[in-house]
N, C-alpha and C. Protein backbone atom coordinates (compact mmCIF):
# COMPACT_ATOMS: atom_id res chain seq x y z
N UNK A 1 58.64 92.48 159.71
CA UNK A 1 58.23 92.09 158.39
C UNK A 1 58.29 93.32 157.48
N UNK A 2 58.87 93.15 156.30
CA UNK A 2 58.95 94.21 155.32
C UNK A 2 57.62 94.33 154.59
N UNK A 3 57.12 95.54 154.51
CA UNK A 3 55.85 95.77 153.83
C UNK A 3 56.12 96.03 152.35
N UNK A 4 55.26 95.51 151.48
CA UNK A 4 55.44 95.73 150.05
C UNK A 4 55.27 97.20 149.68
N UNK A 5 55.97 97.62 148.63
CA UNK A 5 55.87 99.01 148.19
C UNK A 5 55.13 99.13 146.87
N UNK A 6 55.10 98.11 146.05
CA UNK A 6 54.38 98.16 144.78
C UNK A 6 52.91 97.83 145.02
N UNK A 7 52.04 98.38 144.18
CA UNK A 7 50.61 98.21 144.37
C UNK A 7 50.20 96.74 144.38
N UNK A 8 50.69 95.95 143.45
CA UNK A 8 50.32 94.52 143.41
C UNK A 8 50.71 93.82 144.70
N UNK A 9 51.86 94.13 145.24
CA UNK A 9 52.30 93.54 146.51
C UNK A 9 51.44 93.98 147.67
N UNK A 10 51.04 95.25 147.67
CA UNK A 10 50.18 95.76 148.74
C UNK A 10 48.82 95.08 148.71
N UNK A 11 48.30 94.87 147.51
CA UNK A 11 46.98 94.24 147.41
C UNK A 11 47.08 92.77 147.81
N UNK A 12 48.17 92.10 147.47
CA UNK A 12 48.37 90.72 147.92
C UNK A 12 48.47 90.67 149.45
N UNK A 13 49.14 91.65 150.03
CA UNK A 13 49.24 91.72 151.50
C UNK A 13 47.85 91.90 152.11
N UNK A 14 47.02 92.75 151.50
CA UNK A 14 45.66 92.95 152.00
C UNK A 14 44.87 91.65 151.93
N UNK A 15 45.01 90.91 150.84
CA UNK A 15 44.32 89.62 150.72
C UNK A 15 44.77 88.66 151.81
N UNK A 16 46.06 88.60 152.04
CA UNK A 16 46.60 87.71 153.08
C UNK A 16 46.04 88.08 154.44
N UNK A 17 46.03 89.38 154.74
CA UNK A 17 45.46 89.83 156.02
C UNK A 17 43.98 89.49 156.10
N UNK A 18 43.24 89.72 155.02
CA UNK A 18 41.81 89.45 155.02
C UNK A 18 41.51 87.99 155.35
N UNK A 19 42.28 87.10 154.77
CA UNK A 19 42.03 85.67 154.97
C UNK A 19 42.52 85.20 156.34
N UNK A 20 43.62 85.74 156.83
CA UNK A 20 44.27 85.16 158.00
C UNK A 20 44.17 85.94 159.31
N UNK A 21 43.97 87.24 159.25
CA UNK A 21 44.03 88.04 160.48
C UNK A 21 42.78 87.85 161.34
N UNK A 22 42.99 87.81 162.65
CA UNK A 22 41.89 87.72 163.60
C UNK A 22 41.46 89.10 164.09
N UNK A 23 42.36 90.05 164.03
CA UNK A 23 42.07 91.42 164.45
C UNK A 23 41.68 92.21 163.21
N UNK A 24 40.38 92.42 163.03
CA UNK A 24 39.90 93.05 161.81
C UNK A 24 40.34 94.50 161.69
N UNK A 25 40.64 95.16 162.79
CA UNK A 25 41.11 96.55 162.71
C UNK A 25 42.46 96.62 161.99
N UNK A 26 43.29 95.60 162.14
CA UNK A 26 44.58 95.57 161.43
C UNK A 26 44.36 95.56 159.92
N UNK A 27 43.38 94.79 159.49
CA UNK A 27 43.08 94.69 158.06
C UNK A 27 42.61 96.03 157.52
N UNK A 28 41.63 96.63 158.19
CA UNK A 28 41.08 97.90 157.72
C UNK A 28 42.11 99.01 157.82
N UNK A 29 42.91 99.00 158.88
CA UNK A 29 43.96 100.02 159.00
C UNK A 29 44.97 99.90 157.85
N UNK A 30 45.32 98.67 157.47
CA UNK A 30 46.22 98.48 156.35
C UNK A 30 45.58 99.04 155.07
N UNK A 31 44.31 98.73 154.85
CA UNK A 31 43.60 99.23 153.68
C UNK A 31 43.63 100.78 153.66
N UNK A 32 43.26 101.39 154.78
CA UNK A 32 43.15 102.85 154.84
C UNK A 32 44.50 103.56 154.88
N UNK A 33 45.49 102.96 155.54
CA UNK A 33 46.79 103.63 155.71
C UNK A 33 47.79 103.33 154.60
N UNK A 34 47.72 102.15 154.01
CA UNK A 34 48.72 101.76 153.02
C UNK A 34 48.20 101.77 151.58
N UNK A 35 46.94 101.46 151.39
CA UNK A 35 46.41 101.42 150.03
C UNK A 35 45.74 102.72 149.61
N UNK A 36 44.80 103.20 150.39
CA UNK A 36 44.01 104.38 149.98
C UNK A 36 44.90 105.58 149.65
N UNK A 37 45.96 105.88 150.41
CA UNK A 37 46.79 107.04 150.05
C UNK A 37 47.69 106.82 148.82
N UNK A 38 47.85 105.58 148.38
CA UNK A 38 48.76 105.25 147.28
C UNK A 38 48.21 105.82 145.97
N UNK A 39 48.96 106.70 145.30
CA UNK A 39 48.48 107.29 144.04
C UNK A 39 48.17 106.23 142.97
N UNK A 40 48.91 105.15 142.93
CA UNK A 40 48.64 104.09 141.95
C UNK A 40 47.29 103.43 142.24
N UNK A 41 46.97 103.24 143.51
CA UNK A 41 45.68 102.67 143.91
C UNK A 41 44.54 103.58 143.48
N UNK A 42 44.68 104.86 143.77
CA UNK A 42 43.63 105.82 143.41
C UNK A 42 43.47 105.91 141.90
N UNK A 43 44.56 105.85 141.16
CA UNK A 43 44.50 105.96 139.70
C UNK A 43 43.82 104.76 139.05
N UNK A 44 43.93 103.59 139.66
CA UNK A 44 43.34 102.37 139.10
C UNK A 44 41.83 102.28 139.32
N UNK A 45 41.31 102.96 140.32
CA UNK A 45 39.89 102.84 140.66
C UNK A 45 38.99 103.53 139.66
N UNK A 46 37.99 102.80 139.19
CA UNK A 46 36.97 103.31 138.28
C UNK A 46 35.61 103.10 138.94
N UNK A 47 34.60 103.88 138.59
CA UNK A 47 33.28 103.67 139.20
C UNK A 47 32.80 102.23 139.02
N UNK A 48 32.28 101.66 140.09
CA UNK A 48 31.78 100.28 140.07
C UNK A 48 30.48 100.23 139.27
N UNK A 49 30.45 99.34 138.28
CA UNK A 49 29.25 99.17 137.46
C UNK A 49 28.81 97.71 137.43
N UNK A 50 29.35 96.91 138.31
CA UNK A 50 29.03 95.48 138.37
C UNK A 50 27.82 95.29 139.29
N UNK A 51 26.68 94.95 138.72
CA UNK A 51 25.44 94.81 139.49
C UNK A 51 25.54 93.69 140.53
N UNK A 52 26.28 92.63 140.22
CA UNK A 52 26.43 91.51 141.17
C UNK A 52 27.15 91.97 142.43
N UNK A 53 28.23 92.71 142.26
CA UNK A 53 28.97 93.20 143.42
C UNK A 53 28.14 94.23 144.18
N UNK A 54 27.47 95.11 143.46
CA UNK A 54 26.59 96.08 144.13
C UNK A 54 25.53 95.36 144.97
N UNK A 55 24.98 94.27 144.42
CA UNK A 55 23.99 93.48 145.15
C UNK A 55 24.62 92.85 146.39
N UNK A 56 25.86 92.40 146.28
CA UNK A 56 26.54 91.81 147.43
C UNK A 56 26.75 92.86 148.51
N UNK A 57 27.17 94.05 148.12
CA UNK A 57 27.33 95.12 149.11
C UNK A 57 25.99 95.39 149.79
N UNK A 58 24.91 95.52 149.02
CA UNK A 58 23.60 95.78 149.63
C UNK A 58 23.19 94.64 150.57
N UNK A 59 23.47 93.40 150.19
CA UNK A 59 23.13 92.26 151.03
C UNK A 59 23.86 92.28 152.36
N UNK A 60 25.16 92.55 152.31
CA UNK A 60 25.96 92.62 153.55
C UNK A 60 25.46 93.75 154.43
N UNK A 61 25.22 94.91 153.84
CA UNK A 61 24.77 96.05 154.63
C UNK A 61 23.38 95.82 155.20
N UNK A 62 22.52 95.13 154.47
CA UNK A 62 21.19 94.78 154.98
C UNK A 62 21.29 93.86 156.18
N UNK A 63 22.18 92.88 156.11
CA UNK A 63 22.37 91.96 157.24
C UNK A 63 22.89 92.72 158.45
N UNK A 64 23.86 93.60 158.24
CA UNK A 64 24.39 94.39 159.36
C UNK A 64 23.30 95.25 159.98
N UNK A 65 22.50 95.88 159.15
CA UNK A 65 21.42 96.73 159.67
C UNK A 65 20.46 95.89 160.52
N UNK A 66 20.14 94.71 160.04
CA UNK A 66 19.21 93.84 160.78
C UNK A 66 19.83 93.32 162.07
N UNK A 67 21.04 92.78 161.99
CA UNK A 67 21.66 92.16 163.18
C UNK A 67 22.07 93.17 164.24
N UNK A 68 22.44 94.36 163.80
CA UNK A 68 22.85 95.38 164.77
C UNK A 68 21.67 96.25 165.20
N UNK A 69 20.49 95.97 164.65
CA UNK A 69 19.27 96.72 164.96
C UNK A 69 19.48 98.22 164.80
N UNK A 70 20.08 98.59 163.67
CA UNK A 70 20.32 100.00 163.38
C UNK A 70 19.04 100.61 162.84
N UNK A 71 18.58 101.65 163.53
CA UNK A 71 17.37 102.34 163.11
C UNK A 71 17.71 103.26 161.95
N UNK A 72 16.97 103.13 160.87
CA UNK A 72 17.23 103.94 159.69
C UNK A 72 15.92 104.13 158.94
N UNK A 73 15.81 105.27 158.29
CA UNK A 73 14.60 105.54 157.50
C UNK A 73 14.54 104.69 156.24
N UNK A 74 15.63 104.08 155.88
CA UNK A 74 15.68 103.26 154.68
C UNK A 74 16.92 102.40 154.68
N UNK A 75 17.18 101.77 153.55
CA UNK A 75 18.36 100.90 153.46
C UNK A 75 19.65 101.71 153.46
N UNK A 76 20.76 101.03 153.63
CA UNK A 76 22.07 101.68 153.58
C UNK A 76 22.25 102.34 152.22
N UNK A 77 22.95 103.45 152.22
CA UNK A 77 23.20 104.19 150.99
C UNK A 77 24.70 104.17 150.67
N UNK A 78 25.04 103.60 149.51
CA UNK A 78 26.42 103.65 149.05
C UNK A 78 26.69 105.08 148.60
N UNK A 79 27.76 105.68 149.11
CA UNK A 79 28.11 107.04 148.71
C UNK A 79 29.11 107.03 147.57
N UNK A 80 29.92 106.00 147.51
CA UNK A 80 30.91 105.85 146.44
C UNK A 80 31.28 104.38 146.40
N UNK A 81 31.46 103.87 145.20
CA UNK A 81 31.91 102.49 145.03
C UNK A 81 32.83 102.45 143.82
N UNK A 82 34.02 101.91 144.03
CA UNK A 82 35.02 101.87 142.97
C UNK A 82 35.46 100.44 142.70
N UNK A 83 35.97 100.23 141.50
CA UNK A 83 36.39 98.91 141.04
C UNK A 83 37.80 98.99 140.50
N UNK A 84 38.67 98.08 140.94
CA UNK A 84 40.01 97.95 140.40
C UNK A 84 40.05 96.62 139.63
N UNK A 85 39.79 96.70 138.35
CA UNK A 85 39.65 95.52 137.50
C UNK A 85 40.86 94.60 137.57
N UNK A 86 42.06 95.16 137.51
CA UNK A 86 43.29 94.36 137.50
C UNK A 86 43.43 93.48 138.74
N UNK A 87 42.76 93.86 139.81
CA UNK A 87 42.91 93.15 141.08
C UNK A 87 41.60 92.53 141.57
N UNK A 88 40.54 92.63 140.77
CA UNK A 88 39.22 92.10 141.14
C UNK A 88 38.81 92.59 142.53
N UNK A 89 39.04 93.89 142.77
CA UNK A 89 38.80 94.51 144.07
C UNK A 89 37.79 95.64 143.93
N UNK A 90 36.74 95.57 144.72
CA UNK A 90 35.76 96.65 144.80
C UNK A 90 35.83 97.24 146.21
N UNK A 91 35.61 98.53 146.31
CA UNK A 91 35.58 99.17 147.63
C UNK A 91 34.69 100.39 147.58
N UNK A 92 34.22 100.77 148.76
CA UNK A 92 33.34 101.93 148.80
C UNK A 92 33.05 102.42 150.20
N UNK A 93 32.33 103.53 150.24
CA UNK A 93 31.90 104.14 151.49
C UNK A 93 30.37 104.15 151.49
N UNK A 94 29.80 104.08 152.69
CA UNK A 94 28.34 104.03 152.78
C UNK A 94 27.86 104.67 154.08
N UNK A 95 26.59 105.00 154.09
CA UNK A 95 25.92 105.51 155.30
C UNK A 95 24.83 104.51 155.66
N UNK A 96 24.74 104.22 156.94
CA UNK A 96 23.73 103.29 157.46
C UNK A 96 23.19 103.87 158.76
N UNK A 97 21.98 104.40 158.71
CA UNK A 97 21.43 105.06 159.89
C UNK A 97 22.32 106.22 160.28
N UNK A 98 22.75 106.23 161.55
CA UNK A 98 23.63 107.29 162.04
C UNK A 98 25.08 106.83 162.06
N UNK A 99 25.45 105.99 161.12
CA UNK A 99 26.80 105.45 161.05
C UNK A 99 27.36 105.61 159.64
N UNK A 100 28.68 105.73 159.57
CA UNK A 100 29.40 105.74 158.30
C UNK A 100 30.29 104.52 158.24
N UNK A 101 30.50 104.02 157.04
CA UNK A 101 31.31 102.82 156.93
C UNK A 101 32.12 102.75 155.65
N UNK A 102 33.04 101.80 155.68
CA UNK A 102 33.88 101.46 154.52
C UNK A 102 33.73 99.96 154.30
N UNK A 103 33.83 99.57 153.03
CA UNK A 103 33.76 98.15 152.71
C UNK A 103 34.69 97.89 151.53
N UNK A 104 35.31 96.72 151.54
CA UNK A 104 36.03 96.27 150.35
C UNK A 104 35.76 94.79 150.16
N UNK A 105 35.92 94.34 148.92
CA UNK A 105 35.54 92.98 148.53
C UNK A 105 36.41 92.52 147.38
N UNK A 106 36.93 91.29 147.51
CA UNK A 106 37.70 90.66 146.43
C UNK A 106 36.81 89.64 145.74
N UNK A 107 36.58 89.84 144.45
CA UNK A 107 35.73 88.92 143.70
C UNK A 107 36.34 87.52 143.64
N UNK A 108 37.65 87.41 143.44
CA UNK A 108 38.26 86.09 143.32
C UNK A 108 38.19 85.30 144.63
N UNK A 109 38.17 85.97 145.75
CA UNK A 109 38.03 85.29 147.04
C UNK A 109 36.57 85.17 147.46
N UNK A 110 35.70 85.98 146.87
CA UNK A 110 34.31 86.15 147.33
C UNK A 110 34.30 86.46 148.83
N UNK A 111 35.18 87.38 149.20
CA UNK A 111 35.36 87.73 150.61
C UNK A 111 35.66 89.22 150.72
N UNK A 112 35.19 89.81 151.83
CA UNK A 112 35.46 91.22 152.05
C UNK A 112 35.40 91.58 153.52
N UNK A 113 35.57 92.87 153.78
CA UNK A 113 35.55 93.38 155.14
C UNK A 113 34.80 94.70 155.15
N UNK A 114 34.03 94.88 156.21
CA UNK A 114 33.23 96.08 156.40
C UNK A 114 33.58 96.68 157.76
N UNK A 115 33.75 98.00 157.81
CA UNK A 115 33.95 98.72 159.07
C UNK A 115 32.84 99.75 159.19
N UNK A 116 32.23 99.82 160.37
CA UNK A 116 31.08 100.69 160.59
C UNK A 116 31.32 101.51 161.85
N UNK A 117 31.42 102.83 161.68
CA UNK A 117 31.67 103.71 162.82
C UNK A 117 30.48 104.60 163.11
N UNK A 118 30.34 104.98 164.37
CA UNK A 118 29.24 105.83 164.81
C UNK A 118 29.57 107.30 164.57
N UNK A 119 28.54 108.09 164.40
CA UNK A 119 28.71 109.54 164.22
C UNK A 119 28.43 110.31 165.50
N UNK A 120 28.38 109.62 166.62
CA UNK A 120 28.03 110.27 167.89
C UNK A 120 29.25 110.71 168.69
N UNK A 121 30.42 110.68 168.08
CA UNK A 121 31.64 111.08 168.77
C UNK A 121 32.34 109.95 169.49
N UNK A 122 31.71 108.79 169.57
CA UNK A 122 32.37 107.65 170.22
C UNK A 122 33.43 107.08 169.28
N UNK A 123 34.30 106.31 169.82
CA UNK A 123 35.37 105.70 169.03
C UNK A 123 35.02 104.27 168.64
N UNK A 124 33.77 103.88 168.86
CA UNK A 124 33.33 102.52 168.55
C UNK A 124 33.31 102.28 167.04
N UNK A 125 33.96 101.21 166.62
CA UNK A 125 33.92 100.77 165.23
C UNK A 125 33.60 99.28 165.25
N UNK A 126 32.63 98.88 164.45
CA UNK A 126 32.27 97.47 164.34
C UNK A 126 32.81 96.95 163.01
N UNK A 127 33.40 95.77 163.07
CA UNK A 127 33.97 95.15 161.88
C UNK A 127 33.25 93.85 161.59
N UNK A 128 33.07 93.56 160.31
CA UNK A 128 32.51 92.28 159.89
C UNK A 128 33.25 91.81 158.64
N UNK A 129 33.83 90.64 158.77
CA UNK A 129 34.40 89.99 157.59
C UNK A 129 33.29 89.15 157.00
N UNK A 130 33.16 89.14 155.68
CA UNK A 130 32.07 88.40 155.07
C UNK A 130 32.56 87.59 153.88
N UNK A 131 31.84 86.50 153.65
CA UNK A 131 32.06 85.65 152.48
C UNK A 131 30.73 85.50 151.78
N UNK A 132 30.79 85.32 150.47
CA UNK A 132 29.59 85.18 149.67
C UNK A 132 29.61 83.79 149.06
N UNK A 133 28.50 83.10 149.18
CA UNK A 133 28.39 81.75 148.63
C UNK A 133 27.32 81.73 147.56
N UNK A 134 27.72 81.40 146.35
CA UNK A 134 26.77 81.30 145.24
C UNK A 134 26.21 79.89 145.17
N UNK A 135 25.05 79.77 144.53
CA UNK A 135 24.47 78.46 144.27
C UNK A 135 23.75 77.82 145.43
N UNK A 136 23.45 78.59 146.48
CA UNK A 136 22.66 78.05 147.59
C UNK A 136 21.52 79.01 147.88
N UNK A 137 20.69 78.64 148.79
CA UNK A 137 19.53 79.45 149.17
C UNK A 137 19.96 80.91 149.39
N UNK A 138 19.38 81.86 148.64
CA UNK A 138 19.78 83.27 148.77
C UNK A 138 19.70 83.80 150.19
N UNK A 139 18.80 83.28 151.00
CA UNK A 139 18.70 83.77 152.38
C UNK A 139 19.88 83.31 153.22
N UNK A 140 20.67 82.37 152.71
CA UNK A 140 21.82 81.85 153.44
C UNK A 140 23.11 82.04 152.64
N UNK A 141 23.11 82.98 151.69
CA UNK A 141 24.26 83.10 150.80
C UNK A 141 25.35 84.02 151.32
N UNK A 142 25.12 84.72 152.43
CA UNK A 142 26.14 85.58 153.01
C UNK A 142 26.47 85.11 154.42
N UNK A 143 27.73 85.07 154.74
CA UNK A 143 28.17 84.67 156.07
C UNK A 143 28.95 85.82 156.67
N UNK A 144 28.55 86.28 157.83
CA UNK A 144 29.21 87.37 158.52
C UNK A 144 30.05 86.78 159.66
N UNK A 145 31.31 87.13 159.69
CA UNK A 145 32.24 86.66 160.71
C UNK A 145 32.67 87.86 161.53
N UNK A 146 32.30 87.90 162.80
CA UNK A 146 32.66 89.04 163.65
C UNK A 146 33.84 88.68 164.50
N UNK A 147 34.64 89.66 164.83
CA UNK A 147 35.86 89.43 165.57
C UNK A 147 35.62 89.15 167.05
N UNK A 148 34.38 89.21 167.48
CA UNK A 148 34.00 88.95 168.87
C UNK A 148 34.57 90.00 169.83
N UNK A 149 34.96 91.16 169.29
CA UNK A 149 35.40 92.23 170.15
C UNK A 149 35.05 93.56 169.51
N UNK A 150 34.90 94.55 170.34
CA UNK A 150 34.62 95.89 169.85
C UNK A 150 35.92 96.66 169.82
N UNK A 151 36.06 97.50 168.83
CA UNK A 151 37.30 98.28 168.67
C UNK A 151 37.01 99.75 168.85
């Protein structure tokens, strides 16, 4: 399969992978290897100022902290969060307990992916694909889909 070279094509490819791929490492690897190094991608990113998306990131990270029983002195801390308005794409890096992670989210899909790696030298990375549902009980508004395997 030929990989797209233009930014819009790469982002469409990421969306397709996010919706269809079963191996979440393929999705995150595409994001990190094909999009993040792209100068056009980096140039489009502006600091995220959307409180709704920031709240969604906090919600997902809170669920991960609870379900994975990650011991932490406080909630997850976003270290950087960027917004690509033309593509309705937010992404960022965060710290959660003794782990570092990456997350991205498409507003038009209300779907994203989170990768969480340990800082203990292990190669363990946990992935969670998530969807956000508006208009229902807030305690049930986030759905975490795990790949059922550790990477």
